[in-house]
Amino acid sequence: MKTRAALGSLCMLLTGAVLWQCGGDAIETSAADAGGADAGPSDGGGNVTPVYVTICSHNETDSRYDAYDTLGGYLDLRDNVLRIAQLVNNHNAKWDYQADWRFLEAALVYETEPGVADNTNGKSILRYLSEELGVQVDAHSHETNGYNYADVAYLISQLGVAPTGIVGGFLWYPPETAIWERFWSPLVGSKYPAYTWQAEALWGGGTSQHAGPDDMSFGIWRPKDKNNFTVDDPASNLPNIGNGDELHFTGILELIQALESGQAPAGKLYTASYMVFELSAESAYNTWDQDLATLDQYVATGQVVYATLNEVLALWRTQYNSEPFRYELPLPDGGVPDGGFPDSGFPDGGPPSCADGGSCPPDTICCTPPQPCAGRCVPDCRVDGGQPCPPQAPNCDQNTGLCGP
């Protein structure tokens, strides 16, 4: 399986040759077309082209989060949130805290318990993050137990913070599982039907269990529809903020190198995100700290600028005049970008179907029911040196070759 080497835990964007998608037209250009080997990271006028990096975090709803059911367990995870806040502040970074319903419902129960808010100046954890640390709070929903995105946004509002219009994670592939088009219109709550929420932008395009291909694009564009996700539609009211490779910190460094060499065109808006998780805040803190320390040198030169997703969206609309732009880095071994499979025969790099008994490419296996990826070829996590299991499903089943919680 051709893949990138993992370093740290992250959420950002990658691709192959430069790929622009504007007004429904897909235009592929080579590195030479983008400016040639002599082009530097500037726009030709001496202005450095920055990579706008957002720290992102998710909490989920599966059994790993059963601790939310008790006050002691909730406090442990709450402390992990504050560890991340310390990390972000130490590096003067920007953080989008993306919460699902289970954490939010627990917060509504426990934040008013005596002593809980003593270390957050008497404020609920969300108010403290938002009002005193400048953290952006977005809705993130796996839509389990009947909670949709509007319900999650409602819970955020009940904790004293105005929810943003960012869709913090969604399925983009395969098209038959993609339901993001409903965000074109106001969404009515399922658990809380009196509440209506309007999405303003997509972020975090992935696949079920991150079996691939997750979207790994830098930039912002307006997806036309679920069958033409990478095609820009100027008439759409729902831009997508590219999230990059959610597993590999190296992607940010590779993008910086591509800008320095001139492989990536200067003067465009590049978006990238670094993903952290509450459950790992104690064990992975030093790794995250080292990764952000590496980025500090690029912050000093202006090659990295930290920004929340709303700040990036505002920059796109003002300084970049809403210009659609999508860029991916080539895999170093010539593999297919977007997490796809080499020589799969799929023009979009998507995983081939094996539902009809067809065979899968080398180092992949046929996912079987009841797994959500059933009927598709996915990476075999038992392959030495192959694609690592993602933080959302970190354990490799040695019997099936599938990643799981």
Protein backbone atom coordinates (compact mmCIF):
# COMPACT_ATOMS: atom_id res chain seq x y z
CA MET A 1 0.00 0.00 0.00
CA LYS A 2 1.50 3.36 -1.00
CA THR A 3 1.11 5.87 1.77
CA ARG A 4 2.83 8.66 3.63
CA ALA A 5 4.93 8.06 6.72
CA ALA A 6 3.06 9.00 9.90
CA LEU A 7 4.45 11.61 12.30
CA GLY A 8 2.19 12.84 15.06
CA SER A 9 -1.58 13.12 14.79
CA LEU A 10 -3.14 15.68 12.48
CA CYS A 11 -5.93 16.91 10.26
CA MET A 12 -4.75 18.41 6.94
CA LEU A 13 -4.59 18.37 3.13
CA LEU A 14 -2.64 16.69 0.31
CA THR A 15 -2.79 15.94 -3.47
CA GLY A 16 -1.03 14.97 -6.67
CA ALA A 17 -0.36 17.41 -9.51
CA VAL A 18 -1.83 20.84 -8.94
CA LEU A 19 -5.58 20.51 -9.42
CA TRP A 20 -7.78 23.55 -9.84
CA GLN A 21 -11.55 23.22 -9.96
CA CYS A 22 -13.27 26.45 -10.97
CA GLY A 23 -16.77 27.05 -12.28
CA GLY A 24 -17.26 23.37 -13.04
CA ASP A 25 -14.02 23.03 -15.03
CA ALA A 26 -11.23 20.79 -13.80
CA ILE A 27 -7.80 22.05 -14.85
CA GLU A 28 -4.67 20.02 -14.17
CA THR A 29 -1.33 21.80 -14.25
CA SER A 30 2.20 20.60 -13.75
CA ALA A 31 4.69 21.97 -11.25
CA ALA A 32 6.36 23.86 -14.10
CA ASP A 33 3.03 25.43 -15.08
CA ALA A 34 2.61 26.55 -11.47
CA GLY A 35 5.75 28.64 -11.52
CA GLY A 36 8.70 26.38 -12.20
CA ALA A 37 11.54 25.21 -9.99
CA ASP A 38 12.92 28.74 -9.68
CA ALA A 39 9.73 30.13 -8.16
CA GLY A 40 9.97 30.70 -4.42
CA PRO A 41 7.34 30.73 -1.68
CA SER A 42 6.42 34.33 -2.49
CA ASP A 43 3.94 35.76 -4.98
CA GLY A 44 6.70 37.33 -7.06
CA GLY A 45 6.50 40.62 -5.23
CA GLY A 46 8.38 39.44 -2.19
CA ASN A 47 5.23 38.52 -0.27
CA VAL A 48 5.44 35.11 1.36
CA THR A 49 2.53 32.76 0.65
CA PRO A 50 1.42 31.52 4.08
CA VAL A 51 -0.18 28.24 5.06
CA TYR A 52 -3.13 28.98 7.36
CA VAL A 53 -3.06 26.30 10.06
CA THR A 54 -5.91 25.53 12.45
CA ILE A 55 -5.61 23.29 15.51
CA CYS A 56 -8.70 21.06 15.49
CA SER A 57 -10.03 18.59 18.03
CA HIS A 58 -12.92 16.14 18.22
CA ASN A 59 -14.66 14.31 20.98
CA GLU A 60 -16.78 11.37 19.93
CA THR A 61 -19.72 9.31 21.15
CA ASP A 62 -18.49 5.69 21.16
CA SER A 63 -17.62 3.43 24.11
CA ARG A 64 -14.23 5.10 24.60
CA TYR A 65 -16.18 8.03 26.01
CA ASP A 66 -18.18 6.08 28.60
CA ALA A 67 -16.29 8.13 31.18
CA TYR A 68 -18.69 10.99 30.45
CA ASP A 69 -21.32 8.99 32.34
CA THR A 70 -19.66 9.75 35.70
CA LEU A 71 -18.55 13.01 37.30
CA GLY A 72 -15.03 11.66 37.91
CA GLY A 73 -14.64 10.49 34.33
CA TYR A 74 -15.99 13.76 32.98
CA LEU A 75 -13.53 15.74 35.08
CA ASP A 76 -10.61 13.66 33.79
CA LEU A 77 -11.57 14.39 30.20
CA ARG A 78 -12.26 18.03 31.05
CA ASP A 79 -8.71 18.26 32.38
CA ASN A 80 -7.49 16.93 29.04
CA VAL A 81 -9.32 19.75 27.29
CA LEU A 82 -7.45 22.22 29.50
CA ARG A 83 -4.16 20.47 28.64
CA ILE A 84 -4.87 21.13 24.97
CA ALA A 85 -5.72 24.74 25.80
CA GLN A 86 -2.34 25.10 27.49
CA LEU A 87 -0.60 23.60 24.47
CA VAL A 88 -2.38 25.96 22.06
CA ASN A 89 -1.61 28.99 24.21
CA ASN A 90 2.05 28.02 24.60
CA HIS A 91 2.43 28.22 20.82
CA ASN A 92 0.12 31.21 20.27
CA ALA A 93 -1.93 29.00 17.96
CA LYS A 94 -5.64 29.04 17.06
CA TRP A 95 -8.02 26.23 18.00
CA ASP A 96 -11.36 25.01 16.68
CA TYR A 97 -12.93 22.86 19.41
CA GLN A 98 -15.43 20.56 17.69
CA ALA A 99 -17.78 18.77 20.09
CA ASP A 100 -20.34 16.00 19.66
CA TRP A 101 -23.53 15.56 21.66
CA ARG A 102 -22.22 13.17 24.31
CA PHE A 103 -19.67 15.59 25.74
CA LEU A 104 -22.15 18.46 25.54
CA GLU A 105 -24.94 16.59 27.34
CA ALA A 106 -22.45 15.60 30.06
CA ALA A 107 -21.30 19.21 30.35
CA LEU A 108 -24.89 20.34 30.88
CA VAL A 109 -25.14 17.89 33.79
CA TYR A 110 -21.77 18.33 35.45
CA GLU A 111 -20.58 21.90 34.79
CA THR A 112 -22.87 23.24 37.51
CA GLU A 113 -21.64 20.75 40.15
CA PRO A 114 -19.83 22.42 43.09
CA GLY A 115 -16.16 23.08 42.37
CA VAL A 116 -16.19 21.92 38.73
CA ALA A 117 -15.70 25.40 37.27
CA ASP A 118 -13.18 26.58 39.89
CA ASN A 119 -10.26 26.23 37.46
CA THR A 120 -12.13 27.98 34.61
CA ASN A 121 -12.93 31.22 36.47
CA GLY A 122 -16.38 30.01 37.40
CA LYS A 123 -17.40 29.57 33.78
CA SER A 124 -18.52 26.45 31.93
CA ILE A 125 -15.72 24.85 29.96
CA LEU A 126 -17.09 26.10 26.63
CA ARG A 127 -17.54 29.67 27.87
CA TYR A 128 -14.03 29.64 29.30
CA LEU A 129 -12.53 28.40 26.03
CA SER A 130 -14.50 30.88 23.94
CA GLU A 131 -14.51 34.02 26.11
CA GLU A 132 -11.08 33.87 27.72
CA LEU A 133 -8.94 31.87 25.30
CA GLY A 134 -10.43 32.82 21.93
CA VAL A 135 -11.23 29.22 21.00
CA GLN A 136 -13.79 28.72 18.25
CA VAL A 137 -16.51 26.16 19.09
CA ASP A 138 -17.97 24.17 16.18
CA ALA A 139 -20.53 21.41 15.98
CA HIS A 140 -19.19 17.92 15.21
CA SER A 141 -21.72 15.13 14.80
CA HIS A 142 -21.69 11.43 14.03
CA GLU A 143 -25.48 11.71 14.26
CA THR A 144 -25.85 8.85 16.71
CA ASN A 145 -28.76 8.37 19.12
CA GLY A 146 -30.93 10.68 17.04
CA TYR A 147 -28.78 13.82 17.36
CA ASN A 148 -28.19 15.70 14.13
CA TYR A 149 -25.95 18.73 13.56
CA ALA A 150 -28.67 21.18 14.57
CA ASP A 151 -29.10 19.35 17.89
CA VAL A 152 -25.37 19.59 18.58
CA ALA A 153 -25.40 23.31 17.75
CA TYR A 154 -28.33 23.74 20.13
CA LEU A 155 -26.43 22.05 22.97
CA ILE A 156 -23.47 24.38 22.37
CA SER A 157 -25.82 27.35 22.71
CA GLN A 158 -27.20 25.96 25.97
CA LEU A 159 -23.67 26.01 27.40
CA GLY A 160 -23.48 29.76 26.82
CA VAL A 161 -21.61 29.89 23.50
CA ALA A 162 -22.95 30.87 20.09
CA PRO A 163 -22.28 27.93 17.74
CA THR A 164 -20.56 28.65 14.45
CA GLY A 165 -21.84 27.57 11.05
CA ILE A 166 -18.92 25.18 10.49
CA VAL A 167 -19.83 21.56 9.72
CA GLY A 168 -17.07 19.90 11.74
CA GLY A 169 -16.65 16.65 9.82
CA PHE A 170 -18.81 14.90 7.23
CA LEU A 171 -18.84 11.98 4.79
CA TRP A 172 -17.93 12.97 1.25
CA TYR A 173 -17.19 9.54 -0.28
CA PRO A 174 -18.58 7.30 -1.63
CA PRO A 175 -21.31 9.56 -3.02
CA GLU A 176 -24.14 7.26 -1.93
CA THR A 177 -23.17 7.83 1.73
CA ALA A 178 -22.69 11.58 1.36
CA ILE A 179 -25.59 13.56 2.80
CA TRP A 180 -23.89 16.94 3.13
CA GLU A 181 -26.10 18.50 0.44
CA ARG A 182 -28.83 18.96 3.06
CA PHE A 183 -26.64 21.67 4.62
CA TRP A 184 -27.51 23.90 1.68
CA SER A 185 -30.75 24.65 3.56
CA PRO A 186 -31.49 25.35 7.24
CA LEU A 187 -31.45 22.16 9.32
CA VAL A 188 -34.14 21.51 11.93
CA GLY A 189 -33.13 19.66 15.08
CA SER A 190 -34.19 16.05 15.52
CA LYS A 191 -33.92 15.87 19.32
CA TYR A 192 -34.66 19.58 19.66
CA PRO A 193 -37.05 20.36 16.77
CA ALA A 194 -37.68 23.91 17.95
CA TYR A 195 -34.09 24.77 17.00
CA THR A 196 -32.92 25.48 13.44
CA TRP A 197 -29.28 25.79 12.38
CA GLN A 198 -27.79 27.03 9.11
CA ALA A 199 -24.41 25.70 8.00
CA GLU A 200 -21.99 28.23 6.52
CA ALA A 201 -19.07 26.02 5.50
CA LEU A 202 -17.96 22.40 5.34
CA TRP A 203 -14.76 21.12 6.93
CA GLY A 204 -13.30 17.65 7.42
CA GLY A 205 -14.42 15.55 4.43
CA GLY A 206 -13.86 11.89 5.30
CA THR A 207 -15.07 8.34 4.75
CA SER A 208 -16.63 5.77 7.07
CA GLN A 209 -14.02 4.68 9.64
CA HIS A 210 -11.54 6.74 7.61
CA ALA A 211 -11.09 3.72 5.37
CA GLY A 212 -10.36 6.10 2.49
CA PRO A 213 -10.21 8.00 0.41
CA ASP A 214 -10.52 10.90 2.85
CA ASP A 215 -10.35 14.26 1.12
CA MET A 216 -6.87 15.75 1.54
CA SER A 217 -7.08 19.09 -0.25
CA PHE A 218 -5.62 22.49 0.60
CA GLY A 219 -7.75 25.53 -0.20
CA ILE A 220 -11.40 26.55 -0.34
CA TRP A 221 -13.99 25.89 -3.04
CA ARG A 222 -17.77 25.35 -3.30
CA PRO A 223 -18.55 21.69 -4.03
CA LYS A 224 -21.10 21.33 -6.81
CA ASP A 225 -22.87 18.24 -5.47
CA LYS A 226 -22.08 14.86 -3.93
CA ASN A 227 -21.15 13.39 -7.32
CA ASN A 228 -18.93 16.36 -8.19
CA PHE A 229 -17.40 17.22 -4.84
CA THR A 230 -14.14 18.64 -6.23
CA VAL A 231 -15.87 20.82 -8.84
CA ASP A 232 -16.47 24.44 -7.84
CA ASP A 233 -19.99 25.81 -8.18
CA PRO A 234 -20.07 29.63 -7.92
CA ALA A 235 -23.81 29.46 -7.25
CA SER A 236 -23.37 27.37 -4.10
CA ASN A 237 -23.73 28.95 -0.66
CA LEU A 238 -21.62 26.26 1.05
CA PRO A 239 -17.83 26.47 0.65
CA ASN A 240 -15.58 23.63 1.75
CA ILE A 241 -12.47 24.44 3.79
CA GLY A 242 -9.84 21.88 2.89
CA ASN A 243 -8.76 19.85 5.92
CA GLY A 244 -5.73 17.97 4.59
CA ASP A 245 -4.41 14.66 5.83
CA GLU A 246 -5.93 14.01 9.24
CA LEU A 247 -3.24 11.49 10.19
CA HIS A 248 0.10 12.90 9.14
CA PHE A 249 1.89 15.99 10.44
CA THR A 250 4.41 15.68 7.62
CA GLY A 251 1.84 16.97 5.12
CA ILE A 252 2.15 20.51 6.47
CA LEU A 253 5.92 20.41 6.11
CA GLU A 254 5.64 18.98 2.59
CA LEU A 255 3.31 21.79 1.57
CA ILE A 256 5.76 24.37 2.92
CA GLN A 257 8.53 22.68 0.92
CA ALA A 258 6.34 22.67 -2.20
CA LEU A 259 5.83 26.42 -1.83
CA GLU A 260 9.54 26.97 -1.27
CA SER A 261 10.47 24.99 -4.40
CA GLY A 262 7.79 26.58 -6.56
CA GLN A 263 5.93 23.30 -7.07
CA ALA A 264 2.89 24.87 -5.40
CA PRO A 265 1.70 28.17 -6.95
CA ALA A 266 2.33 31.27 -4.86
CA GLY A 267 -0.32 33.79 -3.90
CA LYS A 268 -3.10 31.26 -3.29
CA LEU A 269 -5.01 30.49 -0.09
CA TYR A 270 -3.69 27.30 1.53
CA THR A 271 -5.56 25.77 4.47
CA ALA A 272 -4.25 23.06 6.80
CA SER A 273 -5.29 21.64 10.15
CA TYR A 274 -3.50 19.83 12.97
CA MET A 275 -5.74 17.33 14.75
CA VAL A 276 -5.59 16.53 18.45
CA PHE A 277 -7.91 14.37 20.58
CA GLU A 278 -9.06 14.71 24.19
CA LEU A 279 -8.42 11.07 25.04
CA SER A 280 -4.77 11.39 23.99
CA ALA A 281 -4.07 14.77 25.58
CA GLU A 282 -1.89 13.31 28.33
CA SER A 283 -0.02 10.60 26.43
CA ALA A 284 0.49 12.53 23.18
CA TYR A 285 1.10 15.98 24.66
CA ASN A 286 4.88 15.89 24.16
CA THR A 287 4.53 14.78 20.53
CA TRP A 288 2.05 17.55 19.80
CA ASP A 289 4.29 20.05 21.56
CA GLN A 290 7.28 18.99 19.44
CA ASP A 291 5.25 19.19 16.22
CA LEU A 292 4.03 22.70 16.99
CA ALA A 293 7.55 23.70 18.03
CA THR A 294 8.63 22.64 14.54
CA LEU A 295 6.00 24.95 13.07
CA ASP A 296 7.13 27.83 15.31
CA GLN A 297 10.11 28.47 13.02
CA TYR A 298 7.75 28.86 10.06
CA VAL A 299 5.46 31.13 12.05
CA ALA A 300 8.49 33.36 12.62
CA THR A 301 9.09 33.63 8.85
CA GLY A 302 5.43 34.14 7.99
CA GLN A 303 5.19 30.80 6.16
CA VAL A 304 2.66 29.57 8.74
CA VAL A 305 -0.16 31.70 10.14
CA TYR A 306 -2.50 30.30 12.76
CA ALA A 307 -6.19 31.06 12.21
CA THR A 308 -9.56 29.66 13.23
CA LEU A 309 -11.75 28.23 10.49
CA ASN A 310 -14.02 31.29 10.59
CA GLU A 311 -11.00 33.55 10.25
CA VAL A 312 -9.78 31.58 7.24
CA LEU A 313 -13.25 31.76 5.70
CA ALA A 314 -13.32 35.54 6.18
CA LEU A 315 -9.89 35.88 4.55
CA TRP A 316 -11.09 33.85 1.57
CA ARG A 317 -14.05 36.16 1.07
CA THR A 318 -12.16 39.42 1.50
CA GLN A 319 -8.46 39.18 0.65
CA TYR A 320 -8.89 36.33 -1.85
CA ASN A 321 -12.23 37.50 -3.35
CA SER A 322 -13.79 34.04 -2.86
CA GLU A 323 -11.47 32.60 -5.52
CA PRO A 324 -11.96 28.82 -5.66
CA PHE A 325 -8.70 26.96 -5.20
CA ARG A 326 -7.88 23.34 -4.49
CA TYR A 327 -4.38 21.88 -4.30
CA GLU A 328 -2.96 18.49 -3.44
CA LEU A 329 0.59 17.29 -2.93
CA PRO A 330 1.94 14.33 -4.90
CA LEU A 331 2.78 11.23 -2.94
CA PRO A 332 6.57 10.82 -2.78
CA ASP A 333 6.45 7.35 -4.33
CA GLY A 334 4.12 8.32 -7.15
CA GLY A 335 1.04 6.77 -5.54
CA VAL A 336 -2.50 7.97 -6.03
CA PRO A 337 -3.42 11.07 -3.99
CA ASP A 338 -6.55 11.48 -1.85
CA GLY A 339 -5.88 8.22 0.01
CA GLY A 340 -6.76 6.21 -3.11
CA PHE A 341 -5.35 2.95 -4.34
CA PRO A 342 -2.55 2.53 -6.91
CA ASP A 343 -3.68 1.14 -10.24
CA SER A 344 -7.25 0.73 -9.04
CA GLY A 345 -8.71 1.78 -12.36
CA PHE A 346 -10.83 4.40 -10.62
CA PRO A 347 -10.27 7.86 -12.11
CA ASP A 348 -11.04 9.52 -8.80
CA GLY A 349 -8.70 7.25 -6.83
CA GLY A 350 -11.61 5.72 -4.94
CA PRO A 351 -11.51 2.24 -3.45
CA PRO A 352 -12.86 -0.43 -5.81
CA SER A 353 -15.98 -2.38 -4.95
CA CYS A 354 -15.72 -6.02 -3.96
CA ALA A 355 -19.42 -6.49 -3.25
CA ASP A 356 -19.81 -8.67 -6.32
CA GLY A 357 -16.99 -11.00 -5.32
CA GLY A 358 -14.30 -9.09 -7.16
CA SER A 359 -10.72 -9.13 -5.93
CA CYS A 360 -9.00 -6.25 -4.15
CA PRO A 361 -5.63 -4.63 -4.98
CA PRO A 362 -2.52 -5.79 -3.09
CA ASP A 363 -2.33 -4.90 0.62
CA THR A 364 -6.07 -4.28 0.77
CA ILE A 365 -8.95 -6.46 1.89
CA CYS A 366 -12.66 -6.68 1.20
CA CYS A 367 -14.59 -5.12 4.06
CA THR A 368 -17.55 -7.29 5.07
CA PRO A 369 -20.87 -6.66 6.87
CA PRO A 370 -21.78 -5.36 9.38
CA GLN A 371 -18.93 -2.88 8.99
CA PRO A 372 -19.96 0.48 7.42
CA CYS A 373 -17.29 -0.02 4.74
CA ALA A 374 -18.86 -3.34 3.64
CA GLY A 375 -18.46 -4.14 -0.04
CA ARG A 376 -15.40 -1.92 -0.56
CA CYS A 377 -11.67 -2.61 -0.63
CA VAL A 378 -9.90 -1.00 2.31
CA PRO A 379 -6.27 -1.00 3.52
CA ASP A 380 -5.21 -4.12 5.41
CA CYS A 381 -3.92 -2.74 8.71
CA ARG A 382 -1.85 -5.91 9.30
CA VAL A 383 0.49 -5.08 6.42
CA ASP A 384 3.90 -4.16 7.79
CA GLY A 385 4.68 -0.56 6.88
CA GLY A 386 1.20 0.01 5.48
CA GLN A 387 -1.37 2.65 6.30
CA PRO A 388 -1.69 3.13 10.09
CA CYS A 389 -5.03 2.97 11.86
CA PRO A 390 -6.48 6.44 12.45
CA PRO A 391 -6.92 7.89 15.95
CA GLN A 392 -10.70 7.46 15.61
CA ALA A 393 -10.24 3.67 15.19
CA PRO A 394 -6.73 3.00 16.53
CA ASN A 395 -6.75 -0.79 16.96
CA CYS A 396 -5.90 -3.25 14.19
CA ASP A 397 -7.93 -6.49 14.33
CA GLN A 398 -5.41 -9.21 13.50
CA ASN A 399 -8.17 -11.55 12.35
CA THR A 400 -9.94 -9.23 9.93
CA GLY A 401 -7.30 -6.63 9.06
CA LEU A 402 -9.81 -3.83 9.85
CA CYS A 403 -9.23 -0.89 12.15
CA GLY A 404 -11.59 -0.43 15.07
CA PRO A 405 -12.04 1.31 18.44
